[in-house]
C-alpha cells in the first residue's frame, strides 16, 4: 500500500506545477532553527491548576514581520511596572511568517487568545485583562475560521498552527482534527473517504507507541494526495491542519515514534511507557550502587 502511495505522489509531483511539499519545505524551519527552540520538559510553564496567572506570546520561527519579540518585551516591562510577578513564555507556534494574526497573546488558564496585539497595547492588556479581569474584545479571537479548541489557534488561510502553551501535544492535535472531520466526509471519492481513515490509523499507532517512520511518511503523502485528488475542497480543508502539524512540529512526531515519549505528557500509552522506563532505570541504578558496596 505504501509503495502505491509513493508512486501516486511521484505522479502528482510530475503533473502538477508547484508541489505542495516544495512550498512547505521552503517555508518550514531548518534543523538548526528547530534545535534552537527550547524543549519542554519537567514541570510545564503554566500550571493550569495554579491561581497564579501566566501569559504566552507567539514565537514564530524564521522570518516574520509581526514583531512578537517586541510585544514580549513590552509585556514583561508592563508587568514589572504593574507589580505582579507573572511569567511571559512562548507559545508553541508553527508559522511560515505569512499569517496576519500575529503577534498573539495566549492566556493558558483562561483558555483564550488575543490577536494582532501591538507592543504599545501591552500596558492596556496588563492593566485591563490581568488587573481588572476585563476582556479586550477588539483583540479577542472569536472567528469560527480559526476557533476550534480553547488551547489551539489554527488559521486555515495561512496554515498557522499554534498551541497556547507547552502542555499541548501537537501529535494529539493532528489526531483531534482528523477525528473531528472523519464523520463529516460525504464519502463519494476514495481519497477523502479512505485517506482520512488511513491517516487516523497512522496517528493512532503513533500515539500508542507502535508507530514507525513509514506511518509519518504515509501521513505526508496522503496530505498531498488529498489536496489534489478529491472532488471537493473538504478533503483539502481537513488535511491542512495535519500538514501544518507534521511540517512545523515534526520533532514531536519523531519523539513519539523513535523515543516513545510524549513531551507534553498527554498520550497515555507513551506516558505509561515513560514511567516503566524510568522505573527500570531507577532499579538498575539502585542495583549498580548496591553492587559497588
C-alpha atoms as a PDB file:
ATOM      1  CA  UNK A   1       0.000   0.000   0.000  1.00  0.00           C
ATOM      2  CA  UNK A   2       2.802   2.398   0.920  1.00  0.00           C
ATOM      3  CA  UNK A   3       4.596   1.696  -2.374  1.00  0.00           C
ATOM      4  CA  UNK A   4       1.429   2.519  -4.322  1.00  0.00           C
ATOM      5  CA  UNK A   5       1.092   5.765  -2.407  1.00  0.00           C
ATOM      6  CA  UNK A   6       4.725   6.630  -3.192  1.00  0.00           C
ATOM      7  CA  UNK A   7       4.062   6.049  -6.890  1.00  0.00           C
ATOM      8  CA  UNK A   8       0.960   8.242  -6.689  1.00  0.00           C
ATOM      9  CA  UNK A   9       2.943  11.031  -5.050  1.00  0.00           C
ATOM     10  CA  UNK A  10       5.566  10.841  -7.806  1.00  0.00           C
ATOM     11  CA  UNK A  11       2.866  11.098 -10.448  1.00  0.00           C
ATOM     12  CA  UNK A  12       1.294  14.118  -8.743  1.00  0.00           C
ATOM     13  CA  UNK A  13       4.644  15.899  -8.456  1.00  0.00           C
ATOM     14  CA  UNK A  14       5.348  15.374 -12.157  1.00  0.00           C
ATOM     15  CA  UNK A  15       1.944  16.553 -13.389  1.00  0.00           C
ATOM     16  CA  UNK A  16       1.136  19.389 -11.004  1.00  0.00           C
ATOM     17  CA  UNK A  17       3.174  22.573 -11.224  1.00  0.00           C
ATOM     18  CA  UNK A  18       4.422  23.730  -7.831  1.00  0.00           C
ATOM     19  CA  UNK A  19       4.192  20.781  -5.467  1.00  0.00           C
ATOM     20  CA  UNK A  20       2.734  21.409  -2.012  1.00  0.00           C
ATOM     21  CA  UNK A  21       5.708  19.654  -0.476  1.00  0.00           C
ATOM     22  CA  UNK A  22       8.133  22.041  -2.171  1.00  0.00           C
ATOM     23  CA  UNK A  23       6.180  25.034  -0.910  1.00  0.00           C
ATOM     24  CA  UNK A  24       6.006  23.675   2.625  1.00  0.00           C
ATOM     25  CA  UNK A  25       9.683  22.775   2.606  1.00  0.00           C
ATOM     26  CA  UNK A  26      10.597  26.322   1.620  1.00  0.00           C
ATOM     27  CA  UNK A  27       8.515  27.757   4.455  1.00  0.00           C
ATOM     28  CA  UNK A  28       9.435  25.207   7.108  1.00  0.00           C
ATOM     29  CA  UNK A  29      12.131  25.940   9.713  1.00  0.00           C
ATOM     30  CA  UNK A  30      15.562  24.408   9.258  1.00  0.00           C
ATOM     31  CA  UNK A  31      17.034  21.780  11.578  1.00  0.00           C
ATOM     32  CA  UNK A  32      19.188  24.473  13.183  1.00  0.00           C
ATOM     33  CA  UNK A  33      16.133  26.646  13.867  1.00  0.00           C
ATOM     34  CA  UNK A  34      14.251  23.723  15.405  1.00  0.00           C
ATOM     35  CA  UNK A  35      17.241  22.860  17.584  1.00  0.00           C
ATOM     36  CA  UNK A  36      17.361  26.426  18.873  1.00  0.00           C
ATOM     37  CA  UNK A  37      13.835  26.168  20.294  1.00  0.00           C
ATOM     38  CA  UNK A  38      13.882  25.097  23.975  1.00  0.00           C
ATOM     39  CA  UNK A  39      12.308  21.701  24.559  1.00  0.00           C
ATOM     40  CA  UNK A  40       9.557  21.270  27.090  1.00  0.00           C
ATOM     41  CA  UNK A  41      10.403  19.032  29.975  1.00  0.00           C
ATOM     42  CA  UNK A  42       9.756  18.647  33.661  1.00  0.00           C
ATOM     43  CA  UNK A  43       7.130  20.997  35.016  1.00  0.00           C
ATOM     44  CA  UNK A  44       5.004  22.874  32.474  1.00  0.00           C
ATOM     45  CA  UNK A  45       5.489  26.601  32.034  1.00  0.00           C
ATOM     46  CA  UNK A  46       1.894  27.316  33.074  1.00  0.00           C
ATOM     47  CA  UNK A  47       0.277  25.200  35.765  1.00  0.00           C
ATOM     48  CA  UNK A  48      -3.427  25.006  34.832  1.00  0.00           C
ATOM     49  CA  UNK A  49      -4.338  24.303  38.461  1.00  0.00           C
ATOM     50  CA  UNK A  50      -2.423  27.274  39.835  1.00  0.00           C
ATOM     51  CA  UNK A  51      -4.114  30.559  40.694  1.00  0.00           C
ATOM     52  CA  UNK A  52      -1.006  32.390  39.553  1.00  0.00           C
ATOM     53  CA  UNK A  53      -1.558  33.842  36.096  1.00  0.00           C
ATOM     54  CA  UNK A  54       0.804  33.479  33.170  1.00  0.00           C
ATOM     55  CA  UNK A  55       0.981  34.677  29.574  1.00  0.00           C
ATOM     56  CA  UNK A  56       2.381  33.274  26.359  1.00  0.00           C
ATOM     57  CA  UNK A  57       3.365  35.137  23.215  1.00  0.00           C
ATOM     58  CA  UNK A  58       3.745  33.658  19.738  1.00  0.00           C
ATOM     59  CA  UNK A  59       7.259  32.617  18.837  1.00  0.00           C
ATOM     60  CA  UNK A  60       7.405  32.255  15.038  1.00  0.00           C
ATOM     61  CA  UNK A  61      10.439  30.560  13.548  1.00  0.00           C
ATOM     62  CA  UNK A  62      12.140  32.096  10.564  1.00  0.00           C
ATOM     63  CA  UNK A  63      11.268  35.437   9.000  1.00  0.00           C
ATOM     64  CA  UNK A  64       8.169  37.110  10.416  1.00  0.00           C
ATOM     65  CA  UNK A  65       7.082  40.734  10.390  1.00  0.00           C
ATOM     66  CA  UNK A  66       4.667  40.519  13.333  1.00  0.00           C
ATOM     67  CA  UNK A  67       7.244  41.777  15.879  1.00  0.00           C
ATOM     68  CA  UNK A  68       6.465  39.173  18.555  1.00  0.00           C
ATOM     69  CA  UNK A  69       9.773  39.708  20.466  1.00  0.00           C
ATOM     70  CA  UNK A  70       8.931  43.408  20.898  1.00  0.00           C
ATOM     71  CA  UNK A  71       5.493  42.507  22.292  1.00  0.00           C
ATOM     72  CA  UNK A  72       7.009  40.008  24.729  1.00  0.00           C
ATOM     73  CA  UNK A  73       9.488  42.618  25.929  1.00  0.00           C
ATOM     74  CA  UNK A  74       6.722  45.229  26.286  1.00  0.00           C
ATOM     75  CA  UNK A  75       4.563  42.843  28.309  1.00  0.00           C
ATOM     76  CA  UNK A  76       7.444  41.997  30.641  1.00  0.00           C
ATOM     77  CA  UNK A  77       8.127  45.708  31.137  1.00  0.00           C
ATOM     78  CA  UNK A  78       4.446  46.467  31.803  1.00  0.00           C
ATOM     79  CA  UNK A  79       4.219  43.595  34.297  1.00  0.00           C
ATOM     80  CA  UNK A  80       7.318  44.849  36.110  1.00  0.00           C
ATOM     81  CA  UNK A  81       5.723  48.283  36.424  1.00  0.00           C
ATOM     82  CA  UNK A  82       2.309  46.916  37.384  1.00  0.00           C
ATOM     83  CA  UNK A  83       3.654  44.741  40.176  1.00  0.00           C
ATOM     84  CA  UNK A  84       2.599  41.063  39.936  1.00  0.00           C
ATOM     85  CA  UNK A  85       5.329  38.575  39.133  1.00  0.00           C
ATOM     86  CA  UNK A  86       3.627  36.999  36.129  1.00  0.00           C
ATOM     87  CA  UNK A  87       5.835  34.988  33.757  1.00  0.00           C
ATOM     88  CA  UNK A  88       5.684  35.540  29.995  1.00  0.00           C
ATOM     89  CA  UNK A  89       6.511  32.444  27.979  1.00  0.00           C
ATOM     90  CA  UNK A  90       6.479  31.425  24.342  1.00  0.00           C
ATOM     91  CA  UNK A  91       3.531  29.670  22.755  1.00  0.00           C
ATOM     92  CA  UNK A  92       4.244  26.662  20.541  1.00  0.00           C
ATOM     93  CA  UNK A  93       3.968  28.293  17.141  1.00  0.00           C
ATOM     94  CA  UNK A  94       4.053  26.746  13.682  1.00  0.00           C
ATOM     95  CA  UNK A  95       4.038  29.544  11.153  1.00  0.00           C
ATOM     96  CA  UNK A  96       5.636  30.308   7.789  1.00  0.00           C
ATOM     97  CA  UNK A  97       5.720  34.006   8.634  1.00  0.00           C
ATOM     98  CA  UNK A  98       2.813  34.784   6.310  1.00  0.00           C
ATOM     99  CA  UNK A  99      -0.063  34.846   8.810  1.00  0.00           C
ATOM    100  CA  UNK A 100      -1.916  38.066   9.601  1.00  0.00           C
ATOM    101  CA  UNK A 101      -2.940  37.129  13.149  1.00  0.00           C
ATOM    102  CA  UNK A 102       0.252  37.959  14.995  1.00  0.00           C
ATOM    103  CA  UNK A 103       1.568  38.811  17.322  1.00  0.00           C
ATOM    104  CA  UNK A 104      -0.857  36.948  19.549  1.00  0.00           C
ATOM    105  CA  UNK A 105      -1.067  36.561  23.314  1.00  0.00           C
ATOM    106  CA  UNK A 106      -2.319  33.385  24.994  1.00  0.00           C
ATOM    107  CA  UNK A 107      -3.951  33.135  28.425  1.00  0.00           C
ATOM    108  CA  UNK A 108      -3.478  29.429  29.292  1.00  0.00           C
ATOM    109  CA  UNK A 109      -5.527  29.349  32.496  1.00  0.00           C
ATOM    110  CA  UNK A 110      -8.436  31.209  30.874  1.00  0.00           C
ATOM    111  CA  UNK A 111      -8.267  29.483  27.500  1.00  0.00           C
ATOM    112  CA  UNK A 112      -8.407  32.353  25.014  1.00  0.00           C
ATOM    113  CA  UNK A 113      -6.164  34.287  22.626  1.00  0.00           C
ATOM    114  CA  UNK A 114      -5.675  37.941  21.792  1.00  0.00           C
ATOM    115  CA  UNK A 115      -4.712  38.521  18.149  1.00  0.00           C
ATOM    116  CA  UNK A 116      -2.817  41.326  16.404  1.00  0.00           C
ATOM    117  CA  UNK A 117      -1.659  42.872  19.665  1.00  0.00           C
ATOM    118  CA  UNK A 118       0.805  45.731  19.016  1.00  0.00           C
ATOM    119  CA  UNK A 119       3.622  46.291  21.567  1.00  0.00           C
ATOM    120  CA  UNK A 120       2.098  49.634  22.555  1.00  0.00           C
ATOM    121  CA  UNK A 121      -1.034  47.800  23.787  1.00  0.00           C
ATOM    122  CA  UNK A 122       0.927  45.797  26.361  1.00  0.00           C
ATOM    123  CA  UNK A 123       0.100  48.115  29.256  1.00  0.00           C
ATOM    124  CA  UNK A 124      -3.602  48.007  28.411  1.00  0.00           C
ATOM    125  CA  UNK A 125      -3.564  44.205  28.321  1.00  0.00           C
ATOM    126  CA  UNK A 126      -1.845  44.029  31.704  1.00  0.00           C
ATOM    127  CA  UNK A 127      -3.955  46.742  33.318  1.00  0.00           C
ATOM    128  CA  UNK A 128      -7.384  45.725  31.999  1.00  0.00           C
ATOM    129  CA  UNK A 129      -7.254  41.961  31.464  1.00  0.00           C
ATOM    130  CA  UNK A 130      -4.873  40.883  34.206  1.00  0.00           C
ATOM    131  CA  UNK A 131      -5.577  43.661  36.645  1.00  0.00           C
ATOM    132  CA  UNK A 132      -9.327  44.155  36.275  1.00  0.00           C
ATOM    133  CA  UNK A 133     -10.409  40.939  34.590  1.00  0.00           C
ATOM    134  CA  UNK A 134     -11.828  42.707  31.550  1.00  0.00           C
ATOM    135  CA  UNK A 135     -11.826  41.189  28.061  1.00  0.00           C
ATOM    136  CA  UNK A 136     -10.489  43.446  25.309  1.00  0.00           C
ATOM    137  CA  UNK A 137     -12.884  42.394  22.565  1.00  0.00           C
ATOM    138  CA  UNK A 138     -11.064  44.157  19.675  1.00  0.00           C
ATOM    139  CA  UNK A 139      -8.212  41.656  20.194  1.00  0.00           C
ATOM    140  CA  UNK A 140     -10.223  38.572  21.194  1.00  0.00           C
ATOM    141  CA  UNK A 141     -10.101  35.571  18.824  1.00  0.00           C
ATOM    142  CA  UNK A 142     -13.700  34.541  18.149  1.00  0.00           C
ATOM    143  CA  UNK A 143     -13.777  33.908  14.384  1.00  0.00           C
ATOM    144  CA  UNK A 144     -15.036  30.350  13.640  1.00  0.00           C
ATOM    145  CA  UNK A 145     -12.451  30.079  10.849  1.00  0.00           C
ATOM    146  CA  UNK A 146      -9.729  29.860  13.488  1.00  0.00           C
ATOM    147  CA  UNK A 147     -11.516  28.775  16.681  1.00  0.00           C
ATOM    148  CA  UNK A 148     -11.555  25.030  17.418  1.00  0.00           C
ATOM    149  CA  UNK A 149     -10.323  24.290  20.924  1.00  0.00           C
ATOM    150  CA  UNK A 150      -9.520  26.835  23.610  1.00  0.00           C
ATOM    151  CA  UNK A 151      -5.859  25.761  23.634  1.00  0.00           C
ATOM    152  CA  UNK A 152      -5.365  25.708  19.843  1.00  0.00           C
ATOM    153  CA  UNK A 153      -5.118  28.516  17.337  1.00  0.00           C
ATOM    154  CA  UNK A 154      -5.374  27.460  13.687  1.00  0.00           C
ATOM    155  CA  UNK A 155      -5.776  29.732  10.679  1.00  0.00           C
ATOM    156  CA  UNK A 156      -6.964  27.857   7.600  1.00  0.00           C
ATOM    157  CA  UNK A 157      -5.869  30.647   5.262  1.00  0.00           C
ATOM    158  CA  UNK A 158      -2.167  30.809   6.206  1.00  0.00           C
ATOM    159  CA  UNK A 159      -1.707  27.359   7.779  1.00  0.00           C
ATOM    160  CA  UNK A 160      -0.723  28.834  11.162  1.00  0.00           C
ATOM    161  CA  UNK A 161      -0.996  26.211  13.896  1.00  0.00           C
ATOM    162  CA  UNK A 162      -0.223  27.194  17.484  1.00  0.00           C
ATOM    163  CA  UNK A 163      -0.733  25.798  20.973  1.00  0.00           C
ATOM    164  CA  UNK A 164      -1.387  28.086  23.899  1.00  0.00           C
ATOM    165  CA  UNK A 165       1.475  26.582  25.962  1.00  0.00           C
ATOM    166  CA  UNK A 166       3.758  23.542  26.298  1.00  0.00           C
ATOM    167  CA  UNK A 167       1.108  21.273  27.839  1.00  0.00           C
ATOM    168  CA  UNK A 168      -0.378  20.669  24.370  1.00  0.00           C
ATOM    169  CA  UNK A 169       0.833  17.683  22.322  1.00  0.00           C
ATOM    170  CA  UNK A 170       0.854  18.550  18.625  1.00  0.00           C
ATOM    171  CA  UNK A 171       0.550  14.883  17.619  1.00  0.00           C
ATOM    172  CA  UNK A 172      -2.667  14.685  19.615  1.00  0.00           C
ATOM    173  CA  UNK A 173      -3.775  17.949  17.973  1.00  0.00           C
ATOM    174  CA  UNK A 174      -3.369  16.411  14.498  1.00  0.00           C
ATOM    175  CA  UNK A 175      -5.362  13.406  15.676  1.00  0.00           C
ATOM    176  CA  UNK A 176      -8.043  15.707  17.071  1.00  0.00           C
ATOM    177  CA  UNK A 177      -8.551  17.456  13.727  1.00  0.00           C
ATOM    178  CA  UNK A 178      -8.868  14.151  11.867  1.00  0.00           C
ATOM    179  CA  UNK A 179     -11.310  12.717  14.407  1.00  0.00           C
ATOM    180  CA  UNK A 180     -13.386  15.883  14.092  1.00  0.00           C
ATOM    181  CA  UNK A 181     -13.545  15.675  10.286  1.00  0.00           C
ATOM    182  CA  UNK A 182     -13.905  11.906   9.815  1.00  0.00           C
ATOM    183  CA  UNK A 183     -17.655  11.742  10.289  1.00  0.00           C
ATOM    184  CA  UNK A 184     -18.286  14.753   8.033  1.00  0.00           C
ATOM    185  CA  UNK A 185     -16.972  13.342   4.748  1.00  0.00           C
ATOM    186  CA  UNK A 186     -19.672  12.541   2.190  1.00  0.00           C
ATOM    187  CA  UNK A 187     -17.625   9.514   1.124  1.00  0.00           C
ATOM    188  CA  UNK A 188     -18.186   9.954  -2.627  1.00  0.00           C
ATOM    189  CA  UNK A 189     -14.494   9.966  -3.527  1.00  0.00           C
ATOM    190  CA  UNK A 190     -11.881   7.448  -2.404  1.00  0.00           C
ATOM    191  CA  UNK A 191      -9.101   9.911  -1.410  1.00  0.00           C
ATOM    192  CA  UNK A 192     -11.345  11.596   1.134  1.00  0.00           C
ATOM    193  CA  UNK A 193     -13.287   8.530   2.282  1.00  0.00           C
ATOM    194  CA  UNK A 194     -10.229   6.362   2.862  1.00  0.00           C
ATOM    195  CA  UNK A 195      -7.492   8.977   3.202  1.00  0.00           C
ATOM    196  CA  UNK A 196      -8.794  10.412   6.472  1.00  0.00           C
ATOM    197  CA  UNK A 197      -9.281   6.906   7.861  1.00  0.00           C
ATOM    198  CA  UNK A 198      -5.762   5.776   6.911  1.00  0.00           C
ATOM    199  CA  UNK A 199      -4.202   8.905   8.435  1.00  0.00           C
ATOM    200  CA  UNK A 200      -6.186   8.410  11.617  1.00  0.00           C
ATOM    201  CA  UNK A 201      -4.944   4.808  11.827  1.00  0.00           C
ATOM    202  CA  UNK A 202      -1.345   6.001  11.427  1.00  0.00           C
ATOM    203  CA  UNK A 203      -1.787   8.578  14.189  1.00  0.00           C
ATOM    204  CA  UNK A 204      -3.458   6.004  16.449  1.00  0.00           C
ATOM    205  CA  UNK A 205      -0.371   3.813  16.128  1.00  0.00           C
ATOM    206  CA  UNK A 206       1.963   6.738  16.805  1.00  0.00           C
ATOM    207  CA  UNK A 207       0.208   7.865  19.998  1.00  0.00           C
ATOM    208  CA  UNK A 208       0.046   4.231  21.162  1.00  0.00           C
ATOM    209  CA  UNK A 209       3.816   3.825  20.859  1.00  0.00           C
ATOM    210  CA  UNK A 210       3.528   1.484  17.867  1.00  0.00           C
ATOM    211  CA  UNK A 211       4.178   3.985  15.076  1.00  0.00           C
ATOM    212  CA  UNK A 212       7.004   3.907  12.557  1.00  0.00           C
ATOM    213  CA  UNK A 213       8.630   6.476  10.293  1.00  0.00           C
ATOM    214  CA  UNK A 214       6.674   4.851   7.442  1.00  0.00           C
ATOM    215  CA  UNK A 215       3.495   5.957   9.200  1.00  0.00           C
ATOM    216  CA  UNK A 216       4.776   9.530   9.278  1.00  0.00           C
ATOM    217  CA  UNK A 217       5.735   9.368   5.606  1.00  0.00           C
ATOM    218  CA  UNK A 218       2.351   7.930   4.699  1.00  0.00           C
ATOM    219  CA  UNK A 219       0.596  10.803   6.509  1.00  0.00           C
ATOM    220  CA  UNK A 220       2.610  13.305   4.478  1.00  0.00           C
ATOM    221  CA  UNK A 221       1.842  11.574   1.179  1.00  0.00           C
ATOM    222  CA  UNK A 222      -1.855  11.336   1.978  1.00  0.00           C
ATOM    223  CA  UNK A 223      -1.932  15.027   2.885  1.00  0.00           C
ATOM    224  CA  UNK A 224      -0.616  15.890  -0.584  1.00  0.00           C
ATOM    225  CA  UNK A 225      -2.924  13.432  -2.313  1.00  0.00           C
ATOM    226  CA  UNK A 226      -5.996  14.781  -0.542  1.00  0.00           C
ATOM    227  CA  UNK A 227      -5.206  18.299  -1.678  1.00  0.00           C
ATOM    228  CA  UNK A 228      -5.153  17.472  -5.396  1.00  0.00           C
ATOM    229  CA  UNK A 229      -7.206  14.306  -5.943  1.00  0.00           C
ATOM    230  CA  UNK A 230     -10.628  14.755  -4.246  1.00  0.00           C
ATOM    231  CA  UNK A 231     -13.766  16.092  -5.938  1.00  0.00           C
ATOM    232  CA  UNK A 232     -14.278  18.979  -3.491  1.00  0.00           C
ATOM    233  CA  UNK A 233     -12.390  21.215  -1.081  1.00  0.00           C
ATOM    234  CA  UNK A 234     -13.484  19.367   2.064  1.00  0.00           C
ATOM    235  CA  UNK A 235     -10.539  16.961   1.990  1.00  0.00           C
ATOM    236  CA  UNK A 236      -8.104  19.850   1.489  1.00  0.00           C
ATOM    237  CA  UNK A 237      -9.595  21.767   4.434  1.00  0.00           C
ATOM    238  CA  UNK A 238      -9.492  18.724   6.722  1.00  0.00           C
ATOM    239  CA  UNK A 239      -5.922  17.847   5.714  1.00  0.00           C
ATOM    240  CA  UNK A 240      -4.202  21.212   6.070  1.00  0.00           C
ATOM    241  CA  UNK A 241      -4.087  21.260   9.909  1.00  0.00           C
ATOM    242  CA  UNK A 242      -2.389  17.851   9.847  1.00  0.00           C
ATOM    243  CA  UNK A 243       0.039  19.079   7.188  1.00  0.00           C
ATOM    244  CA  UNK A 244       0.888  22.081   9.390  1.00  0.00           C
ATOM    245  CA  UNK A 245       1.437  19.781  12.378  1.00  0.00           C
ATOM    246  CA  UNK A 246       3.851  17.400  10.635  1.00  0.00           C
ATOM    247  CA  UNK A 247       5.641  20.325   8.961  1.00  0.00           C
ATOM    248  CA  UNK A 248       6.278  22.596  11.934  1.00  0.00           C
ATOM    249  CA  UNK A 249       6.283  20.033  14.759  1.00  0.00           C
ATOM    250  CA  UNK A 250       7.911  17.055  13.083  1.00  0.00           C
ATOM    251  CA  UNK A 251      10.307  16.708  16.021  1.00  0.00           C
ATOM    252  CA  UNK A 252       7.388  15.786  18.305  1.00  0.00           C
ATOM    253  CA  UNK A 253       6.214  13.105  15.875  1.00  0.00           C
ATOM    254  CA  UNK A 254       9.737  11.670  15.686  1.00  0.00           C
ATOM    255  CA  UNK A 255       9.972  11.620  19.501  1.00  0.00           C
ATOM    256  CA  UNK A 256       6.709   9.689  19.679  1.00  0.00           C
ATOM    257  CA  UNK A 257       7.984   7.169  17.152  1.00  0.00           C
ATOM    258  CA  UNK A 258      11.667   6.732  17.994  1.00  0.00           C
ATOM    259  CA  UNK A 259      11.874   7.589  21.695  1.00  0.00           C
ATOM    260  CA  UNK A 260       8.333   6.523  22.663  1.00  0.00           C
ATOM    261  CA  UNK A 261       7.997   9.816  24.521  1.00  0.00           C
ATOM    262  CA  UNK A 262       5.311  12.497  24.688  1.00  0.00           C
ATOM    263  CA  UNK A 263       6.976  15.662  25.920  1.00  0.00           C
ATOM    264  CA  UNK A 264       3.619  17.191  26.911  1.00  0.00           C
ATOM    265  CA  UNK A 265       2.596  14.102  28.888  1.00  0.00           C
ATOM    266  CA  UNK A 266      -0.722  13.853  27.021  1.00  0.00           C
ATOM    267  CA  UNK A 267      -0.550  10.498  25.199  1.00  0.00           C
ATOM    268  CA  UNK A 268      -1.486   7.968  27.905  1.00  0.00           C
ATOM    269  CA  UNK A 269       0.196   4.933  26.329  1.00  0.00           C
ATOM    270  CA  UNK A 270       3.506   6.761  25.916  1.00  0.00           C
ATOM    271  CA  UNK A 271       3.317   8.208  29.425  1.00  0.00           C
ATOM    272  CA  UNK A 272       2.965   4.662  30.740  1.00  0.00           C
ATOM    273  CA  UNK A 273       5.975   3.569  28.670  1.00  0.00           C
ATOM    274  CA  UNK A 274       7.975   6.507  30.044  1.00  0.00           C
ATOM    275  CA  UNK A 275       7.011   5.593  33.633  1.00  0.00           C
ATOM    276  CA  UNK A 276       8.110   1.979  33.163  1.00  0.00           C
ATOM    277  CA  UNK A 277      11.348   3.110  31.556  1.00  0.00           C
ATOM    278  CA  UNK A 278      12.079   5.497  34.427  1.00  0.00           C
ATOM    279  CA  UNK A 279      11.301   2.741  36.944  1.00  0.00           C
ATOM    280  CA  UNK A 280      13.682   0.307  35.238  1.00  0.00           C
ATOM    281  CA  UNK A 281      16.393   2.967  35.180  1.00  0.00           C
ATOM    282  CA  UNK A 282      15.943   3.645  38.898  1.00  0.00           C
ATOM    283  CA  UNK A 283      16.087  -0.069  39.695  1.00  0.00           C
ATOM    284  CA  UNK A 284      19.197  -0.533  37.560  1.00  0.00           C
ATOM    285  CA  UNK A 285      20.865   2.453  39.255  1.00  0.00           C
ATOM    286  CA  UNK A 286      19.977   1.079  42.697  1.00  0.00           C
ATOM    287  CA  UNK A 287      21.347  -2.355  41.781  1.00  0.00           C
ATOM    288  CA  UNK A 288      24.524  -0.750  40.470  1.00  0.00           C
ATOM    289  CA  UNK A 289      25.068   1.176  43.720  1.00  0.00           C
ATOM    290  CA  UNK A 290      24.364  -1.949  45.769  1.00  0.00           C
ATOM    291  CA  UNK A 291      26.885  -3.913  43.753  1.00  0.00           C
ATOM    292  CA  UNK A 292      29.577  -1.308  44.353  1.00  0.00           C
ATOM    293  CA  UNK A 293      29.075  -1.616  48.109  1.00  0.00           C
END
